[in-house]
Amino acid sequence: MSKNKFFRSTEEAVSMFFGLAIVLLVVGLVINFFNKRKGSISAPGVNSDMQLSDKEAGQVGVAGEYVVKKGDSLWTIALTELKDGYRWSEVAKLNNIKNPSSIEVGQKIKLPEAKIANTAIAKQVEYTVVKGDSLWNIAVRNYSDGYQWTKIWNANKSTIGNPNKIEIGMKLMLP
């Protein structure tokens, strides 16, 4: 009889342990669900707390070249030199940078030509979302660069609440 009591209490302890593990798992999933719904967008190589003064931002070398300084990222370089942080992907492509976080202090980076943006004159194309589309896929098809999905999202923020959730039949303007 003592053998049965031992196994019964061990079974109860194991059941209680598994029950506690399941409760913790469910709580973790609920917290994760609500954190993901907040909707944040981050660009690779950018710290949200990073603020650089004009002096810290670096200096321009020869025309079309930039010398990386401490604290720089492709985003901050594109923002300070090209006046558009979203052009960081052009800088990465031009310099064959596969990992945007891998730039080093003192590295010389070629800069693309500065574009003068005039939205009144800029030609926009309407695109209808089809099954299987994502902003990334649309950017790859239309700009040959998936990182340009941010252009599409910025041009359609009134239509797209969450850039991860676009619907079939949705009409998007492609800048």
N, C-alpha and C. Protein backbone atom coordinates (compact mmCIF):
# COMPACT_ATOMS: atom_id res chain seq x y z
N MET A 1 0.80 -1.19 0.00
CA MET A 1 0.00 0.00 0.00
C MET A 1 0.85 1.27 0.00
N SER A 2 1.97 1.23 0.65
CA SER A 2 2.84 2.40 0.67
C SER A 2 3.39 2.69 -0.73
N LYS A 3 3.54 1.63 -1.52
CA LYS A 3 4.00 1.80 -2.90
C LYS A 3 2.96 2.60 -3.70
N ASN A 4 1.69 2.30 -3.55
CA ASN A 4 0.62 3.01 -4.26
C ASN A 4 0.55 4.47 -3.84
N LYS A 5 0.72 4.76 -2.54
CA LYS A 5 0.71 6.14 -2.06
C LYS A 5 1.84 6.94 -2.70
N PHE A 6 3.02 6.33 -2.78
CA PHE A 6 4.19 7.02 -3.36
C PHE A 6 3.92 7.39 -4.81
N PHE A 7 3.45 6.45 -5.60
CA PHE A 7 3.20 6.74 -7.01
C PHE A 7 2.07 7.75 -7.19
N ARG A 8 1.08 7.67 -6.31
CA ARG A 8 -0.04 8.61 -6.41
C ARG A 8 0.44 10.04 -6.15
N SER A 9 1.25 10.25 -5.17
CA SER A 9 1.74 11.60 -4.87
C SER A 9 2.71 12.08 -5.95
N THR A 10 3.50 11.20 -6.53
CA THR A 10 4.41 11.58 -7.61
C THR A 10 3.62 11.99 -8.84
N GLU A 11 2.55 11.24 -9.12
CA GLU A 11 1.70 11.59 -10.26
C GLU A 11 1.06 12.96 -10.05
N GLU A 12 0.63 13.22 -8.85
CA GLU A 12 0.02 14.51 -8.55
C GLU A 12 1.04 15.63 -8.71
N ALA A 13 2.27 15.42 -8.27
CA ALA A 13 3.32 16.43 -8.39
C ALA A 13 3.65 16.69 -9.86
N VAL A 14 3.75 15.63 -10.65
CA VAL A 14 4.04 15.77 -12.08
C VAL A 14 2.90 16.50 -12.78
N SER A 15 1.67 16.13 -12.44
CA SER A 15 0.50 16.79 -13.04
C SER A 15 0.48 18.28 -12.69
N MET A 16 0.79 18.59 -11.43
CA MET A 16 0.81 19.99 -11.01
C MET A 16 1.92 20.75 -11.75
N PHE A 17 3.08 20.13 -11.92
CA PHE A 17 4.18 20.76 -12.64
C PHE A 17 3.78 21.05 -14.09
N PHE A 18 3.21 20.07 -14.78
CA PHE A 18 2.79 20.28 -16.17
C PHE A 18 1.68 21.33 -16.27
N GLY A 19 0.77 21.33 -15.32
CA GLY A 19 -0.29 22.33 -15.31
C GLY A 19 0.28 23.73 -15.17
N LEU A 20 1.25 23.90 -14.29
CA LEU A 20 1.90 25.19 -14.09
C LEU A 20 2.64 25.61 -15.37
N ALA A 21 3.32 24.67 -16.01
CA ALA A 21 4.05 24.97 -17.26
C ALA A 21 3.09 25.43 -18.35
N ILE A 22 1.93 24.80 -18.45
CA ILE A 22 0.94 25.19 -19.46
C ILE A 22 0.39 26.59 -19.17
N VAL A 23 0.11 26.88 -17.91
CA VAL A 23 -0.38 28.21 -17.54
C VAL A 23 0.66 29.27 -17.89
N LEU A 24 1.93 29.04 -17.58
CA LEU A 24 2.99 29.99 -17.90
C LEU A 24 3.13 30.17 -19.42
N LEU A 25 3.00 29.10 -20.17
CA LEU A 25 3.08 29.17 -21.63
C LEU A 25 1.95 30.03 -22.19
N VAL A 26 0.74 29.82 -21.71
CA VAL A 26 -0.42 30.60 -22.18
C VAL A 26 -0.24 32.08 -21.84
N VAL A 27 0.21 32.38 -20.63
CA VAL A 27 0.45 33.78 -20.24
C VAL A 27 1.51 34.41 -21.14
N GLY A 28 2.58 33.68 -21.43
CA GLY A 28 3.62 34.19 -22.32
C GLY A 28 3.10 34.45 -23.72
N LEU A 29 2.27 33.57 -24.24
CA LEU A 29 1.69 33.76 -25.57
C LEU A 29 0.77 34.98 -25.62
N VAL A 30 -0.03 35.18 -24.58
CA VAL A 30 -0.92 36.33 -24.53
C VAL A 30 -0.11 37.63 -24.49
N ILE A 31 0.92 37.67 -23.66
CA ILE A 31 1.78 38.87 -23.59
C ILE A 31 2.44 39.13 -24.94
N ASN A 32 2.95 38.09 -25.57
CA ASN A 32 3.59 38.23 -26.88
C ASN A 32 2.59 38.74 -27.91
N PHE A 33 1.36 38.24 -27.89
CA PHE A 33 0.33 38.67 -28.83
C PHE A 33 0.09 40.17 -28.71
N PHE A 34 -0.08 40.67 -27.48
CA PHE A 34 -0.35 42.08 -27.31
C PHE A 34 0.86 42.95 -27.62
N ASN A 35 2.05 42.47 -27.36
CA ASN A 35 3.25 43.23 -27.71
C ASN A 35 3.40 43.37 -29.22
N LYS A 36 3.08 42.32 -29.97
CA LYS A 36 3.19 42.38 -31.43
C LYS A 36 2.14 43.29 -32.04
N ARG A 37 1.00 43.44 -31.40
CA ARG A 37 -0.07 44.29 -31.94
C ARG A 37 0.26 45.77 -31.82
N LYS A 38 1.26 46.12 -31.02
CA LYS A 38 1.63 47.52 -30.87
C LYS A 38 2.13 48.09 -32.18
N GLY A 39 2.76 47.25 -33.02
CA GLY A 39 3.18 47.67 -34.35
C GLY A 39 4.34 48.64 -34.34
N SER A 40 5.52 48.14 -34.28
CA SER A 40 6.68 49.01 -34.39
C SER A 40 7.46 48.59 -35.64
N ILE A 41 8.08 49.57 -36.24
CA ILE A 41 8.88 49.28 -37.42
C ILE A 41 10.28 49.78 -37.12
N SER A 42 11.23 48.94 -37.38
CA SER A 42 12.61 49.35 -37.15
C SER A 42 13.41 49.11 -38.41
N ALA A 43 14.38 49.96 -38.61
CA ALA A 43 15.27 49.79 -39.73
C ALA A 43 16.55 49.16 -39.23
N PRO A 44 17.12 48.22 -39.97
CA PRO A 44 18.35 47.57 -39.53
C PRO A 44 19.47 48.59 -39.27
N GLY A 45 20.19 48.40 -38.18
CA GLY A 45 21.33 49.26 -37.87
C GLY A 45 20.96 50.57 -37.22
N VAL A 46 19.70 50.72 -36.78
CA VAL A 46 19.27 51.97 -36.18
C VAL A 46 18.85 51.71 -34.74
N ASN A 47 19.38 52.50 -33.82
CA ASN A 47 18.95 52.44 -32.43
C ASN A 47 17.95 53.57 -32.23
N SER A 48 16.84 53.29 -31.58
CA SER A 48 15.82 54.33 -31.40
C SER A 48 16.32 55.43 -30.47
N ASP A 49 17.27 55.12 -29.59
CA ASP A 49 17.77 56.14 -28.68
C ASP A 49 18.99 56.88 -29.24
N MET A 50 19.33 56.61 -30.49
CA MET A 50 20.52 57.22 -31.09
C MET A 50 20.17 58.60 -31.63
N GLN A 51 20.80 59.62 -31.09
CA GLN A 51 20.62 60.96 -31.60
C GLN A 51 22.01 61.56 -31.75
N LEU A 52 22.34 61.98 -32.94
CA LEU A 52 23.66 62.50 -33.21
C LEU A 52 23.60 63.99 -33.49
N SER A 53 24.59 64.72 -32.98
CA SER A 53 24.68 66.12 -33.32
C SER A 53 25.30 66.23 -34.71
N ASP A 54 25.25 67.42 -35.31
CA ASP A 54 25.85 67.60 -36.63
C ASP A 54 27.33 67.26 -36.62
N LYS A 55 28.01 67.57 -35.52
CA LYS A 55 29.44 67.31 -35.42
C LYS A 55 29.73 65.81 -35.37
N GLU A 56 28.87 65.05 -34.63
CA GLU A 56 29.07 63.61 -34.49
C GLU A 56 28.65 62.84 -35.74
N ALA A 57 27.81 63.45 -36.57
CA ALA A 57 27.24 62.73 -37.71
C ALA A 57 28.28 62.33 -38.74
N GLY A 58 29.45 62.88 -38.71
CA GLY A 58 30.49 62.46 -39.65
C GLY A 58 30.78 63.56 -40.64
N GLN A 59 31.75 63.30 -41.49
CA GLN A 59 32.11 64.31 -42.46
C GLN A 59 32.06 63.69 -43.84
N VAL A 60 31.81 64.54 -44.81
CA VAL A 60 31.77 64.07 -46.19
C VAL A 60 33.17 64.18 -46.75
N GLY A 61 33.66 63.08 -47.33
CA GLY A 61 34.97 63.09 -47.98
C GLY A 61 34.82 63.68 -49.36
N VAL A 62 35.40 63.02 -50.33
CA VAL A 62 35.28 63.46 -51.71
C VAL A 62 33.80 63.45 -52.10
N ALA A 63 33.44 64.19 -53.16
CA ALA A 63 32.04 64.24 -53.59
C ALA A 63 31.51 62.84 -53.83
N GLY A 64 30.36 62.53 -53.21
CA GLY A 64 29.76 61.21 -53.39
C GLY A 64 30.32 60.14 -52.48
N GLU A 65 31.15 60.54 -51.51
CA GLU A 65 31.73 59.59 -50.57
C GLU A 65 31.49 60.07 -49.15
N TYR A 66 31.38 59.13 -48.23
CA TYR A 66 31.17 59.47 -46.83
C TYR A 66 32.10 58.61 -46.00
N VAL A 67 32.72 59.21 -44.97
CA VAL A 67 33.59 58.48 -44.06
C VAL A 67 32.79 58.17 -42.79
N VAL A 68 32.66 56.89 -42.48
CA VAL A 68 31.85 56.45 -41.34
C VAL A 68 32.51 56.88 -40.03
N LYS A 69 31.70 57.45 -39.15
CA LYS A 69 32.13 57.87 -37.82
C LYS A 69 31.46 57.00 -36.76
N LYS A 70 31.95 57.07 -35.54
CA LYS A 70 31.40 56.29 -34.44
C LYS A 70 29.91 56.64 -34.25
N GLY A 71 29.09 55.62 -34.11
CA GLY A 71 27.66 55.83 -33.91
C GLY A 71 26.85 55.89 -35.19
N ASP A 72 27.51 55.87 -36.35
CA ASP A 72 26.79 55.93 -37.63
C ASP A 72 26.10 54.61 -37.94
N SER A 73 25.04 54.71 -38.67
CA SER A 73 24.37 53.55 -39.25
C SER A 73 24.00 53.96 -40.68
N LEU A 74 23.63 53.00 -41.49
CA LEU A 74 23.24 53.35 -42.85
C LEU A 74 22.04 54.29 -42.84
N TRP A 75 21.15 54.10 -41.87
CA TRP A 75 19.98 54.98 -41.76
C TRP A 75 20.41 56.41 -41.48
N THR A 76 21.28 56.62 -40.48
CA THR A 76 21.68 57.99 -40.14
C THR A 76 22.49 58.64 -41.26
N ILE A 77 23.29 57.84 -41.96
CA ILE A 77 24.06 58.37 -43.09
C ILE A 77 23.11 58.82 -44.19
N ALA A 78 22.14 57.98 -44.53
CA ALA A 78 21.17 58.34 -45.57
C ALA A 78 20.34 59.55 -45.15
N LEU A 79 20.00 59.62 -43.87
CA LEU A 79 19.21 60.73 -43.37
C LEU A 79 19.99 62.05 -43.42
N THR A 80 21.24 62.03 -42.96
CA THR A 80 22.01 63.28 -42.92
C THR A 80 22.54 63.69 -44.29
N GLU A 81 22.94 62.73 -45.10
CA GLU A 81 23.57 63.07 -46.38
C GLU A 81 22.60 63.14 -47.55
N LEU A 82 21.56 62.31 -47.52
CA LEU A 82 20.62 62.26 -48.64
C LEU A 82 19.25 62.82 -48.25
N LYS A 83 19.11 63.23 -46.99
CA LYS A 83 17.88 63.82 -46.45
C LYS A 83 16.69 62.87 -46.49
N ASP A 84 16.97 61.56 -46.55
CA ASP A 84 15.92 60.55 -46.55
C ASP A 84 16.48 59.26 -46.00
N GLY A 85 16.13 58.94 -44.74
CA GLY A 85 16.65 57.74 -44.09
C GLY A 85 16.28 56.46 -44.80
N TYR A 86 15.14 56.48 -45.50
CA TYR A 86 14.69 55.27 -46.19
C TYR A 86 15.57 54.91 -47.39
N ARG A 87 16.48 55.80 -47.76
CA ARG A 87 17.39 55.50 -48.88
C ARG A 87 18.61 54.71 -48.42
N TRP A 88 18.61 54.25 -47.14
CA TRP A 88 19.74 53.46 -46.63
C TRP A 88 19.94 52.20 -47.47
N SER A 89 18.86 51.66 -48.01
CA SER A 89 19.01 50.43 -48.81
C SER A 89 19.74 50.70 -50.12
N GLU A 90 19.57 51.91 -50.68
CA GLU A 90 20.32 52.28 -51.89
C GLU A 90 21.82 52.36 -51.58
N VAL A 91 22.14 52.94 -50.42
CA VAL A 91 23.54 53.05 -50.00
C VAL A 91 24.13 51.65 -49.82
N ALA A 92 23.38 50.75 -49.19
CA ALA A 92 23.85 49.38 -48.97
C ALA A 92 24.06 48.67 -50.31
N LYS A 93 23.14 48.83 -51.22
CA LYS A 93 23.23 48.18 -52.54
C LYS A 93 24.43 48.72 -53.33
N LEU A 94 24.61 50.02 -53.32
CA LEU A 94 25.70 50.65 -54.06
C LEU A 94 27.07 50.19 -53.55
N ASN A 95 27.17 49.90 -52.25
CA ASN A 95 28.43 49.50 -51.64
C ASN A 95 28.54 47.99 -51.40
N ASN A 96 27.60 47.22 -51.94
CA ASN A 96 27.58 45.77 -51.77
C ASN A 96 27.65 45.36 -50.30
N ILE A 97 26.89 46.05 -49.47
CA ILE A 97 26.85 45.74 -48.04
C ILE A 97 25.70 44.76 -47.81
N LYS A 98 26.05 43.53 -47.46
CA LYS A 98 25.03 42.50 -47.24
C LYS A 98 24.39 42.62 -45.86
N ASN A 99 25.19 42.99 -44.85
CA ASN A 99 24.70 43.14 -43.49
C ASN A 99 24.76 44.62 -43.12
N PRO A 100 23.62 45.31 -43.05
CA PRO A 100 23.61 46.75 -42.78
C PRO A 100 24.25 47.14 -41.45
N SER A 101 24.38 46.20 -40.53
CA SER A 101 24.97 46.51 -39.23
C SER A 101 26.48 46.36 -39.23
N SER A 102 27.06 46.03 -40.39
CA SER A 102 28.49 45.70 -40.42
C SER A 102 29.39 46.83 -40.89
N ILE A 103 28.91 48.08 -40.88
CA ILE A 103 29.80 49.17 -41.28
C ILE A 103 30.76 49.49 -40.14
N GLU A 104 31.96 49.95 -40.51
CA GLU A 104 33.00 50.19 -39.51
C GLU A 104 33.47 51.64 -39.56
N VAL A 105 33.92 52.13 -38.42
CA VAL A 105 34.45 53.49 -38.32
C VAL A 105 35.62 53.63 -39.28
N GLY A 106 35.64 54.72 -40.05
CA GLY A 106 36.71 54.98 -41.01
C GLY A 106 36.43 54.42 -42.40
N GLN A 107 35.42 53.57 -42.53
CA GLN A 107 35.08 52.99 -43.82
C GLN A 107 34.55 54.09 -44.75
N LYS A 108 34.99 54.06 -46.01
CA LYS A 108 34.49 55.02 -47.00
C LYS A 108 33.31 54.39 -47.73
N ILE A 109 32.23 55.13 -47.74
CA ILE A 109 31.00 54.64 -48.36
C ILE A 109 30.62 55.57 -49.50
N LYS A 110 30.34 54.96 -50.67
CA LYS A 110 29.87 55.74 -51.82
C LYS A 110 28.42 56.10 -51.60
N LEU A 111 28.08 57.32 -51.99
CA LEU A 111 26.70 57.77 -51.85
C LEU A 111 26.05 57.88 -53.23
N PRO A 112 24.79 57.52 -53.34
CA PRO A 112 24.10 57.67 -54.63
C PRO A 112 23.81 59.15 -54.88
N GLU A 113 23.44 59.45 -56.10
CA GLU A 113 23.11 60.83 -56.45
C GLU A 113 21.93 61.31 -55.62
N ALA A 114 21.98 62.57 -55.23
CA ALA A 114 20.87 63.13 -54.47
C ALA A 114 19.70 63.31 -55.42
N LYS A 115 18.53 62.91 -54.96
CA LYS A 115 17.32 63.06 -55.77
C LYS A 115 16.52 64.22 -55.23
N ILE A 116 15.99 65.00 -56.12
CA ILE A 116 15.12 66.10 -55.70
C ILE A 116 13.69 65.57 -55.77
N ALA A 117 13.09 65.48 -54.62
CA ALA A 117 11.74 64.93 -54.55
C ALA A 117 10.71 66.03 -54.75
N ASN A 118 9.87 65.85 -55.74
CA ASN A 118 8.75 66.76 -55.94
C ASN A 118 7.51 65.89 -56.09
N THR A 119 6.79 65.73 -55.00
CA THR A 119 5.65 64.81 -55.01
C THR A 119 4.54 65.27 -55.93
N ALA A 120 4.46 66.55 -56.23
CA ALA A 120 3.41 67.03 -57.13
C ALA A 120 3.66 66.53 -58.55
N ILE A 121 4.94 66.40 -58.91
CA ILE A 121 5.30 65.99 -60.26
C ILE A 121 5.51 64.47 -60.34
N ALA A 122 5.88 63.87 -59.21
CA ALA A 122 6.22 62.44 -59.21
C ALA A 122 5.06 61.61 -59.74
N LYS A 123 5.37 60.67 -60.61
CA LYS A 123 4.36 59.81 -61.20
C LYS A 123 4.10 58.64 -60.25
N GLN A 124 2.84 58.40 -59.95
CA GLN A 124 2.48 57.28 -59.10
C GLN A 124 1.64 56.30 -59.90
N VAL A 125 1.80 55.04 -59.58
CA VAL A 125 1.09 53.97 -60.25
C VAL A 125 0.17 53.30 -59.25
N GLU A 126 -1.06 53.00 -59.66
CA GLU A 126 -1.97 52.30 -58.77
C GLU A 126 -1.75 50.80 -58.92
N TYR A 127 -1.72 50.11 -57.79
CA TYR A 127 -1.50 48.66 -57.77
C TYR A 127 -2.61 48.02 -56.96
N THR A 128 -3.17 46.93 -57.45
CA THR A 128 -4.20 46.18 -56.73
C THR A 128 -3.57 44.93 -56.12
N VAL A 129 -3.74 44.77 -54.82
CA VAL A 129 -3.15 43.65 -54.09
C VAL A 129 -3.83 42.34 -54.52
N VAL A 130 -2.99 41.33 -54.79
CA VAL A 130 -3.49 40.00 -55.16
C VAL A 130 -3.09 39.00 -54.08
N LYS A 131 -3.65 37.79 -54.16
CA LYS A 131 -3.37 36.74 -53.18
C LYS A 131 -1.87 36.48 -53.10
N GLY A 132 -1.35 36.38 -51.88
CA GLY A 132 0.07 36.08 -51.67
C GLY A 132 0.96 37.31 -51.63
N ASP A 133 0.40 38.49 -51.85
CA ASP A 133 1.20 39.72 -51.84
C ASP A 133 1.59 40.13 -50.43
N SER A 134 2.73 40.79 -50.33
CA SER A 134 3.17 41.48 -49.13
C SER A 134 3.84 42.75 -49.63
N LEU A 135 4.03 43.73 -48.77
CA LEU A 135 4.68 44.96 -49.21
C LEU A 135 6.09 44.65 -49.73
N TRP A 136 6.75 43.69 -49.10
CA TRP A 136 8.10 43.30 -49.55
C TRP A 136 8.05 42.78 -50.99
N ASN A 137 7.12 41.84 -51.27
CA ASN A 137 7.02 41.25 -52.60
C ASN A 137 6.67 42.30 -53.66
N ILE A 138 5.78 43.22 -53.31
CA ILE A 138 5.39 44.28 -54.25
C ILE A 138 6.60 45.17 -54.54
N ALA A 139 7.39 45.49 -53.51
CA ALA A 139 8.59 46.32 -53.69
C ALA A 139 9.61 45.60 -54.57
N VAL A 140 9.79 44.30 -54.37
CA VAL A 140 10.74 43.55 -55.19
C VAL A 140 10.29 43.58 -56.65
N ARG A 141 8.99 43.36 -56.90
CA ARG A 141 8.48 43.36 -58.27
C ARG A 141 8.58 44.71 -58.95
N ASN A 142 8.34 45.79 -58.19
CA ASN A 142 8.28 47.12 -58.80
C ASN A 142 9.56 47.92 -58.72
N TYR A 143 10.39 47.67 -57.70
CA TYR A 143 11.62 48.45 -57.52
C TYR A 143 12.87 47.58 -57.56
N SER A 144 12.72 46.28 -57.69
CA SER A 144 13.84 45.32 -57.64
C SER A 144 14.61 45.42 -56.32
N ASP A 145 13.92 45.84 -55.27
CA ASP A 145 14.55 45.99 -53.96
C ASP A 145 13.47 45.89 -52.89
N GLY A 146 13.46 44.79 -52.16
CA GLY A 146 12.45 44.58 -51.13
C GLY A 146 12.44 45.62 -50.04
N TYR A 147 13.60 46.22 -49.76
CA TYR A 147 13.68 47.21 -48.70
C TYR A 147 12.92 48.49 -49.03
N GLN A 148 12.46 48.62 -50.26
CA GLN A 148 11.69 49.80 -50.65
C GLN A 148 10.22 49.68 -50.23
N TRP A 149 9.89 48.58 -49.49
CA TRP A 149 8.52 48.42 -49.03
C TRP A 149 8.08 49.60 -48.18
N THR A 150 9.03 50.28 -47.53
CA THR A 150 8.69 51.42 -46.68
C THR A 150 8.14 52.59 -47.50
N LYS A 151 8.63 52.74 -48.75
CA LYS A 151 8.09 53.79 -49.63
C LYS A 151 6.61 53.54 -49.88
N ILE A 152 6.28 52.29 -50.17
CA ILE A 152 4.88 51.93 -50.45
C ILE A 152 4.03 52.17 -49.21
N TRP A 153 4.54 51.75 -48.06
CA TRP A 153 3.79 51.91 -46.82
C TRP A 153 3.57 53.38 -46.50
N ASN A 154 4.63 54.20 -46.63
CA ASN A 154 4.50 55.62 -46.34
C ASN A 154 3.52 56.31 -47.27
N ALA A 155 3.48 55.89 -48.53
CA ALA A 155 2.57 56.51 -49.50
C ALA A 155 1.12 56.07 -49.26
N ASN A 156 0.91 54.99 -48.50
CA ASN A 156 -0.43 54.44 -48.31
C ASN A 156 -0.82 54.28 -46.85
N LYS A 157 -0.24 55.09 -45.97
CA LYS A 157 -0.53 54.94 -44.54
C LYS A 157 -2.01 55.13 -44.21
N SER A 158 -2.71 55.92 -45.00
CA SER A 158 -4.14 56.12 -44.74
C SER A 158 -4.94 54.86 -45.05
N THR A 159 -4.42 54.01 -45.93
CA THR A 159 -5.10 52.78 -46.32
C THR A 159 -4.61 51.59 -45.50
N ILE A 160 -3.31 51.56 -45.21
CA ILE A 160 -2.70 50.42 -44.53
C ILE A 160 -2.47 50.77 -43.07
N GLY A 161 -3.22 50.11 -42.19
CA GLY A 161 -3.02 50.34 -40.75
C GLY A 161 -1.79 49.61 -40.25
N ASN A 162 -1.67 48.34 -40.63
CA ASN A 162 -0.55 47.50 -40.20
C ASN A 162 0.15 47.01 -41.46
N PRO A 163 1.43 47.33 -41.66
CA PRO A 163 2.11 46.94 -42.90
C PRO A 163 2.22 45.43 -43.09
N ASN A 164 1.99 44.65 -42.03
CA ASN A 164 2.02 43.19 -42.15
C ASN A 164 0.68 42.62 -42.58
N LYS A 165 -0.33 43.47 -42.64
CA LYS A 165 -1.67 42.97 -42.97
C LYS A 165 -2.27 43.80 -44.10
N ILE A 166 -2.01 43.37 -45.34
CA ILE A 166 -2.67 44.00 -46.47
C ILE A 166 -3.69 43.00 -47.01
N GLU A 167 -4.75 43.53 -47.60
CA GLU A 167 -5.85 42.67 -48.01
C GLU A 167 -5.95 42.58 -49.52
N ILE A 168 -6.40 41.43 -50.01
CA ILE A 168 -6.61 41.22 -51.44
C ILE A 168 -7.62 42.24 -51.93
N GLY A 169 -7.32 42.87 -53.07
CA GLY A 169 -8.21 43.86 -53.66
C GLY A 169 -7.92 45.28 -53.23
N MET A 170 -7.07 45.45 -52.22
CA MET A 170 -6.70 46.78 -51.73
C MET A 170 -5.96 47.53 -52.84
N LYS A 171 -6.30 48.79 -53.04
CA LYS A 171 -5.65 49.63 -54.05
C LYS A 171 -4.53 50.43 -53.38
N LEU A 172 -3.31 50.28 -53.89
CA LEU A 172 -2.14 50.97 -53.33
C LEU A 172 -1.53 51.87 -54.39
N MET A 173 -1.04 53.01 -53.95
CA MET A 173 -0.32 53.91 -54.85
C MET A 173 1.17 53.61 -54.71
N LEU A 174 1.85 53.34 -55.84
CA LEU A 174 3.27 53.08 -55.83
C LEU A 174 4.00 54.33 -56.29
N PRO A 175 4.76 54.95 -55.39
CA PRO A 175 5.48 56.19 -55.76
C PRO A 175 6.63 55.91 -56.72
